[in-house]
Amino acid sequence: PLYSSAASDVYKRQTFNLKQMARTVAYLQEHHLMDASVLSARVDEAAARCHALSGQIQAAEKHLAETAVLKRHIVNYARTREVYAAYRKSGYSAKYRLEHEDEIALHRAAKQAFNALGVQKLPSVKSLNAQYAQLLGEKKAAYAEYRAAREEMRELMVHRKNLSLILQGDAKEGKGKEAEREGR
């Protein structure tokens, strides 16, 4: 072989780096981002958009969880209402409470949750299901948008880093040529 393994690896790395730099220059020209300050501004915009979408997704997830909990409490409340009414009619009998302890605990937990949430009138399970489906659709749409924004942000960051490396390389070459001229 003409090249040793180490020389071949260096050649492969240099070739890869040159191809990456060429891709960066082509991308920057295509998107009119040859000015480093404009590129940095675009990176900042992409990062802000990515973070905003992330916050939107987290808020939707929180609201989905709250809706699911409320729905569970409404179902438990409806399922245990008759048992609790009979418990009240029995004069809060200890014997009745022992026989229906789980149902009474579920009913009380549901009432406490409604009070904590400030719910005056219980929404229907059907309306909660519709709200949940709508929130889930919004979350999925935001997540698809988030993935695209994240990819754009990463790509811009890579190109910004490559541009800084290109500019550093040009600055080093310029200093080397000046030193050669002065040395003559």
N, C-alpha and C. Protein backbone atom coordinates (compact mmCIF):
# COMPACT_ATOMS: atom_id res chain seq x y z
N PRO A 1 0.82 -1.19 0.00
CA PRO A 1 0.00 0.00 0.00
C PRO A 1 0.87 1.26 0.00
N LEU A 2 0.34 2.28 -0.65
CA LEU A 2 1.07 3.53 -0.72
C LEU A 2 1.03 4.30 0.60
N TYR A 3 -0.07 4.16 1.33
CA TYR A 3 -0.24 4.88 2.60
C TYR A 3 -0.26 3.88 3.75
N SER A 4 0.28 4.28 4.87
CA SER A 4 0.14 3.45 6.07
C SER A 4 -1.28 3.62 6.60
N SER A 5 -1.65 2.80 7.54
CA SER A 5 -2.99 2.86 8.10
C SER A 5 -3.24 4.22 8.77
N ALA A 6 -2.27 4.73 9.50
CA ALA A 6 -2.43 6.02 10.18
C ALA A 6 -2.58 7.14 9.16
N ALA A 7 -1.81 7.11 8.11
CA ALA A 7 -1.90 8.14 7.07
C ALA A 7 -3.25 8.04 6.36
N SER A 8 -3.72 6.83 6.16
CA SER A 8 -5.02 6.63 5.53
C SER A 8 -6.14 7.19 6.40
N ASP A 9 -6.05 6.96 7.72
CA ASP A 9 -7.05 7.50 8.64
C ASP A 9 -7.06 9.02 8.62
N VAL A 10 -5.88 9.62 8.59
CA VAL A 10 -5.78 11.08 8.54
C VAL A 10 -6.42 11.59 7.25
N TYR A 11 -6.11 10.92 6.15
CA TYR A 11 -6.66 11.30 4.86
C TYR A 11 -8.20 11.21 4.90
N LYS A 12 -8.74 10.13 5.48
CA LYS A 12 -10.19 9.96 5.57
C LYS A 12 -10.83 11.06 6.42
N ARG A 13 -10.17 11.39 7.53
CA ARG A 13 -10.69 12.45 8.39
C ARG A 13 -10.68 13.79 7.67
N GLN A 14 -9.58 14.07 6.98
CA GLN A 14 -9.49 15.34 6.26
C GLN A 14 -10.54 15.42 5.16
N THR A 15 -10.73 14.32 4.46
CA THR A 15 -11.73 14.28 3.40
C THR A 15 -13.13 14.50 3.99
N PHE A 16 -13.41 13.82 5.08
CA PHE A 16 -14.71 13.98 5.74
C PHE A 16 -14.91 15.44 6.16
N ASN A 17 -13.89 16.02 6.79
CA ASN A 17 -13.99 17.41 7.25
C ASN A 17 -14.21 18.37 6.08
N LEU A 18 -13.50 18.15 4.98
CA LEU A 18 -13.69 19.01 3.80
C LEU A 18 -15.10 18.89 3.25
N LYS A 19 -15.63 17.67 3.22
CA LYS A 19 -16.99 17.48 2.73
C LYS A 19 -18.00 18.18 3.65
N GLN A 20 -17.78 18.09 4.96
CA GLN A 20 -18.67 18.76 5.91
C GLN A 20 -18.62 20.27 5.71
N MET A 21 -17.42 20.79 5.53
CA MET A 21 -17.27 22.24 5.32
C MET A 21 -17.96 22.65 4.01
N ALA A 22 -17.82 21.84 2.99
CA ALA A 22 -18.47 22.15 1.71
C ALA A 22 -20.00 22.13 1.87
N ARG A 23 -20.52 21.16 2.62
CA ARG A 23 -21.96 21.11 2.87
C ARG A 23 -22.42 22.35 3.64
N THR A 24 -21.60 22.75 4.60
CA THR A 24 -21.95 23.93 5.39
C THR A 24 -21.99 25.17 4.51
N VAL A 25 -20.98 25.35 3.69
CA VAL A 25 -20.95 26.53 2.82
C VAL A 25 -22.15 26.50 1.86
N ALA A 26 -22.45 25.34 1.30
CA ALA A 26 -23.59 25.24 0.38
C ALA A 26 -24.90 25.57 1.11
N TYR A 27 -25.07 25.04 2.32
CA TYR A 27 -26.28 25.31 3.11
C TYR A 27 -26.39 26.80 3.42
N LEU A 28 -25.30 27.39 3.85
CA LEU A 28 -25.33 28.80 4.22
C LEU A 28 -25.63 29.69 3.01
N GLN A 29 -25.07 29.35 1.87
CA GLN A 29 -25.35 30.11 0.65
C GLN A 29 -26.81 29.94 0.24
N GLU A 30 -27.29 28.72 0.30
CA GLU A 30 -28.67 28.44 -0.11
C GLU A 30 -29.68 29.17 0.76
N HIS A 31 -29.38 29.29 2.05
CA HIS A 31 -30.30 29.93 2.98
C HIS A 31 -29.93 31.37 3.30
N HIS A 32 -28.98 31.93 2.55
CA HIS A 32 -28.55 33.33 2.71
C HIS A 32 -28.11 33.63 4.14
N LEU A 33 -27.24 32.78 4.65
CA LEU A 33 -26.77 32.91 6.03
C LEU A 33 -25.25 33.03 6.11
N MET A 34 -24.65 33.65 5.12
CA MET A 34 -23.18 33.73 5.11
C MET A 34 -22.64 34.68 6.17
N ASP A 35 -23.47 35.56 6.68
CA ASP A 35 -23.06 36.47 7.75
C ASP A 35 -23.22 35.74 9.09
N ALA A 36 -22.15 35.70 9.87
CA ALA A 36 -22.16 34.95 11.14
C ALA A 36 -23.21 35.51 12.11
N SER A 37 -23.42 36.81 12.11
CA SER A 37 -24.40 37.39 13.04
C SER A 37 -25.83 37.00 12.63
N VAL A 38 -26.09 36.94 11.34
CA VAL A 38 -27.42 36.53 10.87
C VAL A 38 -27.64 35.05 11.22
N LEU A 39 -26.60 34.25 11.05
CA LEU A 39 -26.70 32.83 11.39
C LEU A 39 -26.95 32.65 12.88
N SER A 40 -26.24 33.39 13.71
CA SER A 40 -26.44 33.30 15.16
C SER A 40 -27.85 33.73 15.55
N ALA A 41 -28.37 34.75 14.89
CA ALA A 41 -29.73 35.20 15.16
C ALA A 41 -30.74 34.10 14.80
N ARG A 42 -30.52 33.42 13.69
CA ARG A 42 -31.41 32.33 13.27
C ARG A 42 -31.34 31.16 14.26
N VAL A 43 -30.12 30.87 14.75
CA VAL A 43 -29.97 29.81 15.75
C VAL A 43 -30.75 30.18 17.01
N ASP A 44 -30.63 31.42 17.44
CA ASP A 44 -31.34 31.88 18.63
C ASP A 44 -32.86 31.80 18.43
N GLU A 45 -33.33 32.21 17.25
CA GLU A 45 -34.77 32.13 16.95
C GLU A 45 -35.24 30.67 16.97
N ALA A 46 -34.46 29.79 16.36
CA ALA A 46 -34.84 28.37 16.32
C ALA A 46 -34.85 27.78 17.72
N ALA A 47 -33.88 28.15 18.54
CA ALA A 47 -33.83 27.65 19.92
C ALA A 47 -35.03 28.17 20.72
N ALA A 48 -35.37 29.44 20.54
CA ALA A 48 -36.51 30.01 21.27
C ALA A 48 -37.81 29.31 20.84
N ARG A 49 -37.95 29.06 19.55
CA ARG A 49 -39.14 28.37 19.04
C ARG A 49 -39.22 26.95 19.61
N CYS A 50 -38.08 26.28 19.64
CA CYS A 50 -38.02 24.92 20.17
C CYS A 50 -38.41 24.90 21.64
N HIS A 51 -37.91 25.83 22.41
CA HIS A 51 -38.23 25.89 23.84
C HIS A 51 -39.70 26.26 24.06
N ALA A 52 -40.23 27.15 23.22
CA ALA A 52 -41.65 27.53 23.35
C ALA A 52 -42.55 26.32 23.07
N LEU A 53 -42.22 25.57 22.02
CA LEU A 53 -43.01 24.39 21.70
C LEU A 53 -42.89 23.33 22.79
N SER A 54 -41.72 23.21 23.36
CA SER A 54 -41.52 22.27 24.47
C SER A 54 -42.39 22.66 25.65
N GLY A 55 -42.46 23.93 25.96
CA GLY A 55 -43.32 24.40 27.04
C GLY A 55 -44.79 24.15 26.74
N GLN A 56 -45.17 24.34 25.49
CA GLN A 56 -46.56 24.09 25.07
C GLN A 56 -46.90 22.60 25.25
N ILE A 57 -45.97 21.73 24.89
CA ILE A 57 -46.20 20.29 25.02
C ILE A 57 -46.31 19.90 26.49
N GLN A 58 -45.45 20.46 27.31
CA GLN A 58 -45.50 20.16 28.75
C GLN A 58 -46.81 20.64 29.37
N ALA A 59 -47.27 21.81 28.96
CA ALA A 59 -48.54 22.33 29.47
C ALA A 59 -49.70 21.42 29.04
N ALA A 60 -49.67 20.96 27.80
CA ALA A 60 -50.72 20.06 27.31
C ALA A 60 -50.69 18.74 28.08
N GLU A 61 -49.48 18.22 28.35
CA GLU A 61 -49.38 16.97 29.10
C GLU A 61 -49.93 17.15 30.52
N LYS A 62 -49.65 18.28 31.13
CA LYS A 62 -50.16 18.55 32.48
C LYS A 62 -51.68 18.62 32.46
N HIS A 63 -52.23 19.31 31.46
CA HIS A 63 -53.69 19.44 31.36
C HIS A 63 -54.33 18.08 31.06
N LEU A 64 -53.67 17.25 30.25
CA LEU A 64 -54.18 15.90 29.97
C LEU A 64 -54.23 15.08 31.26
N ALA A 65 -53.19 15.18 32.06
CA ALA A 65 -53.16 14.43 33.32
C ALA A 65 -54.25 14.91 34.26
N GLU A 66 -54.44 16.22 34.34
CA GLU A 66 -55.50 16.77 35.20
C GLU A 66 -56.88 16.32 34.73
N THR A 67 -57.08 16.31 33.43
CA THR A 67 -58.36 15.88 32.88
C THR A 67 -58.61 14.40 33.18
N ALA A 68 -57.58 13.59 33.06
CA ALA A 68 -57.72 12.16 33.35
C ALA A 68 -58.06 11.93 34.82
N VAL A 69 -57.42 12.68 35.71
CA VAL A 69 -57.70 12.54 37.14
C VAL A 69 -59.13 12.98 37.44
N LEU A 70 -59.55 14.09 36.86
CA LEU A 70 -60.91 14.57 37.09
C LEU A 70 -61.93 13.55 36.59
N LYS A 71 -61.66 12.99 35.43
CA LYS A 71 -62.56 11.98 34.87
C LYS A 71 -62.65 10.77 35.80
N ARG A 72 -61.51 10.32 36.31
CA ARG A 72 -61.50 9.17 37.22
C ARG A 72 -62.32 9.48 38.49
N HIS A 73 -62.18 10.69 39.02
CA HIS A 73 -62.93 11.07 40.22
C HIS A 73 -64.43 11.16 39.93
N ILE A 74 -64.80 11.65 38.77
CA ILE A 74 -66.23 11.74 38.41
C ILE A 74 -66.83 10.34 38.32
N VAL A 75 -66.10 9.43 37.69
CA VAL A 75 -66.59 8.05 37.57
C VAL A 75 -66.72 7.42 38.96
N ASN A 76 -65.70 7.61 39.81
CA ASN A 76 -65.76 7.06 41.17
C ASN A 76 -66.92 7.66 41.96
N TYR A 77 -67.10 8.96 41.81
CA TYR A 77 -68.18 9.65 42.53
C TYR A 77 -69.55 9.10 42.11
N ALA A 78 -69.73 8.97 40.81
CA ALA A 78 -71.01 8.47 40.30
C ALA A 78 -71.24 7.02 40.74
N ARG A 79 -70.21 6.24 40.74
CA ARG A 79 -70.31 4.82 41.09
C ARG A 79 -70.60 4.62 42.58
N THR A 80 -70.14 5.53 43.42
CA THR A 80 -70.27 5.36 44.87
C THR A 80 -71.33 6.27 45.50
N ARG A 81 -72.03 7.04 44.69
CA ARG A 81 -73.01 8.01 45.22
C ARG A 81 -74.12 7.32 46.03
N GLU A 82 -74.64 6.22 45.50
CA GLU A 82 -75.75 5.53 46.19
C GLU A 82 -75.28 4.93 47.52
N VAL A 83 -74.08 4.38 47.53
CA VAL A 83 -73.55 3.79 48.76
C VAL A 83 -73.38 4.87 49.81
N TYR A 84 -72.87 6.04 49.38
CA TYR A 84 -72.65 7.13 50.34
C TYR A 84 -73.98 7.69 50.83
N ALA A 85 -74.95 7.76 49.95
CA ALA A 85 -76.28 8.24 50.36
C ALA A 85 -76.89 7.28 51.39
N ALA A 86 -76.73 5.99 51.18
CA ALA A 86 -77.23 4.99 52.14
C ALA A 86 -76.46 5.12 53.46
N TYR A 87 -75.20 5.41 53.40
CA TYR A 87 -74.38 5.60 54.61
C TYR A 87 -74.91 6.79 55.41
N ARG A 88 -75.24 7.87 54.71
CA ARG A 88 -75.80 9.05 55.39
C ARG A 88 -77.17 8.73 56.01
N LYS A 89 -77.99 7.97 55.26
CA LYS A 89 -79.32 7.60 55.77
C LYS A 89 -79.22 6.72 57.01
N SER A 90 -78.14 5.93 57.06
CA SER A 90 -77.96 5.04 58.21
C SER A 90 -77.48 5.80 59.44
N GLY A 91 -77.33 7.10 59.30
CA GLY A 91 -76.88 7.92 60.42
C GLY A 91 -75.37 7.76 60.64
N TYR A 92 -74.66 7.54 59.56
CA TYR A 92 -73.21 7.34 59.59
C TYR A 92 -72.84 6.16 60.50
N SER A 93 -73.56 5.09 60.29
CA SER A 93 -73.39 3.87 61.08
C SER A 93 -71.99 3.29 60.90
N ALA A 94 -71.37 2.92 62.01
CA ALA A 94 -70.03 2.32 61.97
C ALA A 94 -70.08 0.97 61.28
N LYS A 95 -71.17 0.23 61.52
CA LYS A 95 -71.31 -1.09 60.90
C LYS A 95 -71.38 -0.95 59.37
N TYR A 96 -72.19 -0.01 58.90
CA TYR A 96 -72.34 0.21 57.45
C TYR A 96 -71.01 0.69 56.85
N ARG A 97 -70.32 1.57 57.59
CA ARG A 97 -69.03 2.08 57.11
C ARG A 97 -68.02 0.94 56.94
N LEU A 98 -67.98 0.01 57.88
CA LEU A 98 -67.07 -1.13 57.77
C LEU A 98 -67.42 -2.02 56.58
N GLU A 99 -68.71 -2.19 56.33
CA GLU A 99 -69.14 -3.03 55.20
C GLU A 99 -68.81 -2.39 53.86
N HIS A 100 -68.80 -1.06 53.77
CA HIS A 100 -68.61 -0.34 52.50
C HIS A 100 -67.45 0.66 52.58
N GLU A 101 -66.43 0.26 53.29
CA GLU A 101 -65.30 1.17 53.56
C GLU A 101 -64.63 1.68 52.28
N ASP A 102 -64.38 0.80 51.32
CA ASP A 102 -63.69 1.21 50.08
C ASP A 102 -64.52 2.21 49.29
N GLU A 103 -65.82 1.94 49.13
CA GLU A 103 -66.67 2.83 48.37
C GLU A 103 -66.77 4.21 49.02
N ILE A 104 -66.90 4.21 50.33
CA ILE A 104 -67.00 5.49 51.06
C ILE A 104 -65.71 6.28 50.93
N ALA A 105 -64.58 5.59 51.02
CA ALA A 105 -63.28 6.27 50.87
C ALA A 105 -63.13 6.86 49.47
N LEU A 106 -63.55 6.11 48.45
CA LEU A 106 -63.49 6.63 47.07
C LEU A 106 -64.39 7.85 46.92
N HIS A 107 -65.56 7.79 47.49
CA HIS A 107 -66.51 8.90 47.39
C HIS A 107 -65.95 10.15 48.06
N ARG A 108 -65.41 9.98 49.25
CA ARG A 108 -64.84 11.13 49.97
C ARG A 108 -63.63 11.69 49.23
N ALA A 109 -62.79 10.81 48.67
CA ALA A 109 -61.62 11.27 47.91
C ALA A 109 -62.06 12.08 46.69
N ALA A 110 -63.11 11.62 46.03
CA ALA A 110 -63.63 12.35 44.87
C ALA A 110 -64.15 13.72 45.29
N LYS A 111 -64.89 13.77 46.40
CA LYS A 111 -65.40 15.05 46.90
C LYS A 111 -64.27 16.01 47.25
N GLN A 112 -63.23 15.49 47.89
CA GLN A 112 -62.07 16.32 48.24
C GLN A 112 -61.38 16.85 46.99
N ALA A 113 -61.27 16.00 45.97
CA ALA A 113 -60.65 16.44 44.72
C ALA A 113 -61.46 17.53 44.06
N PHE A 114 -62.78 17.40 44.08
CA PHE A 114 -63.63 18.43 43.49
C PHE A 114 -63.49 19.75 44.23
N ASN A 115 -63.44 19.67 45.56
CA ASN A 115 -63.26 20.88 46.36
C ASN A 115 -61.90 21.52 46.09
N ALA A 116 -60.86 20.69 45.99
CA ALA A 116 -59.51 21.21 45.74
C ALA A 116 -59.43 21.87 44.36
N LEU A 117 -60.15 21.32 43.39
CA LEU A 117 -60.14 21.89 42.04
C LEU A 117 -61.12 23.05 41.89
N GLY A 118 -61.96 23.25 42.89
CA GLY A 118 -62.94 24.33 42.82
C GLY A 118 -64.06 24.02 41.85
N VAL A 119 -64.37 22.75 41.67
CA VAL A 119 -65.42 22.34 40.74
C VAL A 119 -66.77 22.46 41.44
N GLN A 120 -67.64 23.32 40.88
CA GLN A 120 -68.99 23.48 41.43
C GLN A 120 -69.96 22.51 40.78
N LYS A 121 -69.92 22.49 39.44
CA LYS A 121 -70.79 21.59 38.69
C LYS A 121 -69.90 20.59 37.95
N LEU A 122 -70.20 19.33 38.10
CA LEU A 122 -69.37 18.30 37.49
C LEU A 122 -69.60 18.25 35.99
N PRO A 123 -68.52 18.28 35.21
CA PRO A 123 -68.69 18.12 33.77
C PRO A 123 -69.02 16.66 33.46
N SER A 124 -69.60 16.45 32.30
CA SER A 124 -69.93 15.07 31.93
C SER A 124 -68.66 14.35 31.46
N VAL A 125 -68.67 13.05 31.61
CA VAL A 125 -67.53 12.24 31.16
C VAL A 125 -67.37 12.38 29.64
N LYS A 126 -68.49 12.51 28.97
CA LYS A 126 -68.46 12.67 27.50
C LYS A 126 -67.73 13.96 27.12
N SER A 127 -68.03 15.06 27.82
CA SER A 127 -67.35 16.32 27.50
C SER A 127 -65.86 16.25 27.86
N LEU A 128 -65.56 15.55 28.96
CA LEU A 128 -64.15 15.37 29.32
C LEU A 128 -63.41 14.53 28.28
N ASN A 129 -64.07 13.49 27.76
CA ASN A 129 -63.45 12.68 26.72
C ASN A 129 -63.18 13.51 25.47
N ALA A 130 -64.13 14.38 25.11
CA ALA A 130 -63.95 15.25 23.94
C ALA A 130 -62.80 16.22 24.19
N GLN A 131 -62.76 16.79 25.39
CA GLN A 131 -61.68 17.72 25.74
C GLN A 131 -60.33 17.00 25.71
N TYR A 132 -60.30 15.78 26.23
CA TYR A 132 -59.07 14.99 26.26
C TYR A 132 -58.58 14.70 24.83
N ALA A 133 -59.52 14.32 23.97
CA ALA A 133 -59.17 14.02 22.58
C ALA A 133 -58.63 15.27 21.87
N GLN A 134 -59.25 16.41 22.14
CA GLN A 134 -58.79 17.66 21.53
C GLN A 134 -57.38 18.01 22.02
N LEU A 135 -57.15 17.90 23.32
CA LEU A 135 -55.83 18.19 23.89
C LEU A 135 -54.77 17.24 23.34
N LEU A 136 -55.13 15.98 23.21
CA LEU A 136 -54.19 15.00 22.69
C LEU A 136 -53.83 15.33 21.24
N GLY A 137 -54.80 15.74 20.45
CA GLY A 137 -54.54 16.14 19.07
C GLY A 137 -53.63 17.35 19.00
N GLU A 138 -53.89 18.33 19.86
CA GLU A 138 -53.04 19.53 19.90
C GLU A 138 -51.62 19.17 20.31
N LYS A 139 -51.50 18.27 21.27
CA LYS A 139 -50.17 17.85 21.74
C LYS A 139 -49.41 17.15 20.61
N LYS A 140 -50.08 16.26 19.90
CA LYS A 140 -49.42 15.54 18.80
C LYS A 140 -48.98 16.51 17.71
N ALA A 141 -49.81 17.48 17.39
CA ALA A 141 -49.44 18.47 16.37
C ALA A 141 -48.26 19.31 16.84
N ALA A 142 -48.29 19.72 18.10
CA ALA A 142 -47.19 20.51 18.65
C ALA A 142 -45.91 19.68 18.70
N TYR A 143 -46.04 18.39 18.99
CA TYR A 143 -44.85 17.55 19.06
C TYR A 143 -44.22 17.37 17.68
N ALA A 144 -45.05 17.22 16.65
CA ALA A 144 -44.51 17.10 15.29
C ALA A 144 -43.78 18.39 14.90
N GLU A 145 -44.38 19.52 15.26
CA GLU A 145 -43.76 20.81 15.00
C GLU A 145 -42.47 20.97 15.81
N TYR A 146 -42.49 20.48 17.04
CA TYR A 146 -41.31 20.54 17.92
C TYR A 146 -40.16 19.74 17.32
N ARG A 147 -40.45 18.54 16.83
CA ARG A 147 -39.38 17.71 16.23
C ARG A 147 -38.75 18.43 15.05
N ALA A 148 -39.56 19.05 14.20
CA ALA A 148 -39.03 19.78 13.05
C ALA A 148 -38.20 20.98 13.51
N ALA A 149 -38.70 21.70 14.51
CA ALA A 149 -37.97 22.87 15.03
C ALA A 149 -36.66 22.45 15.68
N ARG A 150 -36.67 21.33 16.38
CA ARG A 150 -35.45 20.83 17.03
C ARG A 150 -34.41 20.43 15.98
N GLU A 151 -34.86 19.77 14.92
CA GLU A 151 -33.93 19.39 13.85
C GLU A 151 -33.34 20.62 13.17
N GLU A 152 -34.18 21.62 12.92
CA GLU A 152 -33.69 22.86 12.31
C GLU A 152 -32.67 23.52 13.23
N MET A 153 -32.98 23.56 14.52
CA MET A 153 -32.07 24.19 15.47
C MET A 153 -30.73 23.45 15.50
N ARG A 154 -30.77 22.13 15.54
CA ARG A 154 -29.53 21.34 15.56
C ARG A 154 -28.71 21.56 14.29
N GLU A 155 -29.40 21.57 13.16
CA GLU A 155 -28.70 21.77 11.90
C GLU A 155 -28.05 23.15 11.85
N LEU A 156 -28.78 24.16 12.28
CA LEU A 156 -28.22 25.51 12.30
C LEU A 156 -27.03 25.59 13.26
N MET A 157 -27.12 24.91 14.38
CA MET A 157 -26.02 24.93 15.34
C MET A 157 -24.77 24.26 14.78
N VAL A 158 -24.96 23.17 14.07
CA VAL A 158 -23.83 22.48 13.44
C VAL A 158 -23.18 23.39 12.41
N HIS A 159 -24.01 24.04 11.59
CA HIS A 159 -23.46 24.92 10.57
C HIS A 159 -22.78 26.15 11.18
N ARG A 160 -23.32 26.65 12.29
CA ARG A 160 -22.67 27.77 12.97
C ARG A 160 -21.30 27.35 13.50
N LYS A 161 -21.24 26.15 14.08
CA LYS A 161 -19.95 25.65 14.59
C LYS A 161 -18.97 25.44 13.44
N ASN A 162 -19.44 24.86 12.35
CA ASN A 162 -18.56 24.65 11.18
C ASN A 162 -18.08 25.98 10.62
N LEU A 163 -18.96 26.98 10.57
CA LEU A 163 -18.57 28.29 10.07
C LEU A 163 -17.49 28.90 10.96
N SER A 164 -17.64 28.75 12.26
CA SER A 164 -16.60 29.30 13.15
C SER A 164 -15.28 28.57 12.95
N LEU A 165 -15.32 27.25 12.69
CA LEU A 165 -14.09 26.51 12.40
C LEU A 165 -13.46 26.96 11.09
N ILE A 166 -14.32 27.21 10.10
CA ILE A 166 -13.81 27.69 8.80
C ILE A 166 -13.13 29.05 9.00
N LEU A 167 -13.80 29.93 9.72
CA LEU A 167 -13.25 31.26 9.94
C LEU A 167 -11.97 31.21 10.76
N GLN A 168 -11.89 30.31 11.72
CA GLN A 168 -10.66 30.14 12.50
C GLN A 168 -9.53 29.63 11.60
N GLY A 169 -9.86 28.69 10.72
CA GLY A 169 -8.86 28.16 9.78
C GLY A 169 -8.36 29.24 8.85
N ASP A 170 -9.25 30.10 8.35
CA ASP A 170 -8.84 31.20 7.47
C ASP A 170 -7.95 32.17 8.22
N ALA A 171 -8.27 32.43 9.48
CA ALA A 171 -7.46 33.35 10.27
C ALA A 171 -6.07 32.77 10.52
N LYS A 172 -5.97 31.47 10.78
CA LYS A 172 -4.67 30.83 11.00
C LYS A 172 -3.84 30.86 9.72
N GLU A 173 -4.50 30.57 8.58
CA GLU A 173 -3.77 30.58 7.31
C GLU A 173 -3.27 31.98 7.00
N GLY A 174 -4.09 32.99 7.27
CA GLY A 174 -3.69 34.38 7.03
C GLY A 174 -2.47 34.75 7.87
N LYS A 175 -2.42 34.36 9.11
CA LYS A 175 -1.28 34.65 9.98
C LYS A 175 -0.04 33.91 9.50
N GLY A 176 -0.21 32.68 9.03
CA GLY A 176 0.93 31.90 8.53
C GLY A 176 1.52 32.54 7.29
N LYS A 177 0.68 33.03 6.39
CA LYS A 177 1.18 33.67 5.16
C LYS A 177 1.87 34.98 5.48
N GLU A 178 1.36 35.74 6.45
CA GLU A 178 2.01 36.99 6.85
C GLU A 178 3.38 36.71 7.43
N ALA A 179 3.48 35.66 8.22
CA ALA A 179 4.79 35.30 8.81
C ALA A 179 5.77 34.91 7.73
N GLU A 180 5.29 34.20 6.70
CA GLU A 180 6.18 33.82 5.60
C GLU A 180 6.69 35.05 4.86
N ARG A 181 5.83 36.01 4.62
CA ARG A 181 6.22 37.22 3.90
C ARG A 181 7.24 38.03 4.71
N GLU A 182 7.01 38.12 6.00
CA GLU A 182 7.92 38.88 6.83
C GLU A 182 9.26 38.17 6.96
N GLY A 183 9.28 36.87 6.90
CA GLY A 183 10.52 36.09 7.04
C GLY A 183 11.41 36.18 5.82
N ARG A 184 10.94 36.57 4.68
CA ARG A 184 11.73 36.62 3.45
C ARG A 184 12.66 37.74 3.43
